[in-house]
Amino acid sequence: MTKNEIEAFVAAMIEAGSNIQAMGTIGYVLAEPVNPTDRDAYRRIELVSSAFGERNHLKDEIIACLHELGRVVAITEEPDTGRA
């Protein structure tokens, strides 16, 4: 996945039924559907995820995009990751 595909990726995940959200500024989640009983949504989400490919290198940009859309779960205290 490239930086230019981030908005399309997020839009496709939402359309697939994903409840994609940033977790503060440390990460994002995408696998859980808006409706957890929608079994087909899990498959659609997996297909979109696979179609866009590797995106770990774009984590910060994806988080920023989700913040712009207001798709954020606030974290009151970010965990210590042990990284210096």
Protein backbone atom coordinates (compact mmCIF):
# COMPACT_ATOMS: atom_id res chain seq x y z
CA MET A 1 0.00 0.00 0.00
CA THR A 2 1.18 3.51 -0.73
CA LYS A 3 0.56 6.77 1.09
CA ASN A 4 -1.75 7.83 -1.75
CA GLU A 5 -4.02 4.84 -1.03
CA ILE A 6 -4.71 5.58 2.64
CA GLU A 7 -8.01 7.42 2.14
CA ALA A 8 -9.25 4.74 -0.27
CA PHE A 9 -8.21 2.03 2.21
CA VAL A 10 -10.06 3.66 5.11
CA ALA A 11 -13.14 4.26 2.94
CA ALA A 12 -13.11 0.66 1.71
CA MET A 13 -12.79 -0.66 5.26
CA ILE A 14 -15.75 1.44 6.39
CA GLU A 15 -17.79 0.29 3.39
CA ALA A 16 -16.89 -3.33 4.17
CA GLY A 17 -18.41 -2.87 7.62
CA SER A 18 -15.23 -2.33 9.66
CA ASN A 19 -15.36 -0.18 12.75
CA ILE A 20 -11.84 1.06 11.91
CA GLN A 21 -10.66 3.52 14.54
CA ALA A 22 -7.45 5.04 15.79
CA MET A 23 -6.53 4.13 19.34
CA GLY A 24 -5.29 7.49 20.54
CA THR A 25 -2.08 8.10 18.64
CA ILE A 26 -0.52 4.68 19.19
CA GLY A 27 -2.35 2.44 16.74
CA TYR A 28 -5.58 1.53 15.03
CA VAL A 29 -7.99 -1.38 14.91
CA LEU A 30 -9.92 -2.59 11.89
CA ALA A 31 -10.94 -6.23 12.20
CA GLU A 32 -14.07 -5.79 14.31
CA PRO A 33 -17.19 -5.03 12.28
CA VAL A 34 -19.62 -2.33 13.33
CA ASN A 35 -22.13 -5.16 13.76
CA PRO A 36 -20.28 -8.07 15.44
CA THR A 37 -23.05 -10.47 14.39
CA ASP A 38 -22.45 -9.70 10.69
CA ARG A 39 -20.40 -12.77 9.80
CA ASP A 40 -20.05 -11.67 6.17
CA ALA A 41 -18.46 -8.40 7.30
CA TYR A 42 -15.50 -10.29 8.74
CA ARG A 43 -14.83 -11.77 5.30
CA ARG A 44 -15.29 -8.43 3.52
CA ILE A 45 -12.89 -6.77 5.96
CA GLU A 46 -10.30 -9.50 5.37
CA LEU A 47 -10.64 -9.14 1.59
CA VAL A 48 -10.11 -5.37 1.74
CA SER A 49 -7.18 -5.79 4.11
CA SER A 50 -5.55 -8.29 1.76
CA ALA A 51 -6.27 -6.23 -1.34
CA PHE A 52 -4.40 -3.19 -0.03
CA GLY A 53 -1.45 -5.23 1.23
CA GLU A 54 1.32 -4.27 3.62
CA ARG A 55 0.68 -1.03 5.47
CA ASN A 56 2.76 -1.16 8.67
CA HIS A 57 5.06 1.50 7.22
CA LEU A 58 2.04 3.86 7.00
CA LYS A 59 0.74 3.39 10.55
CA ASP A 60 1.19 7.03 11.59
CA GLU A 61 -0.42 8.33 8.40
CA ILE A 62 -3.40 5.97 8.78
CA ILE A 63 -3.84 7.11 12.38
CA ALA A 64 -3.75 10.76 11.24
CA CYS A 65 -6.37 10.04 8.56
CA LEU A 66 -8.65 8.40 11.14
CA HIS A 67 -8.23 11.41 13.43
CA GLU A 68 -9.27 13.72 10.58
CA LEU A 69 -12.43 11.63 10.17
CA GLY A 70 -13.15 11.66 13.90
CA ARG A 71 -12.76 7.88 14.10
CA VAL A 72 -10.76 7.87 17.34
CA VAL A 73 -11.01 6.09 20.65
CA ALA A 74 -9.41 8.37 23.22
CA ILE A 75 -6.84 6.76 25.46
CA THR A 76 -6.40 8.58 28.73
CA GLU A 77 -2.93 7.20 29.38
CA GLU A 78 -0.86 5.69 26.62
CA PRO A 79 0.99 2.55 27.67
CA ASP A 80 4.75 2.46 28.01
CA THR A 81 5.96 0.43 25.05
CA GLY A 82 9.45 0.09 26.47
CA ARG A 83 10.92 1.89 23.47
CA ALA A 84 13.36 4.71 24.06
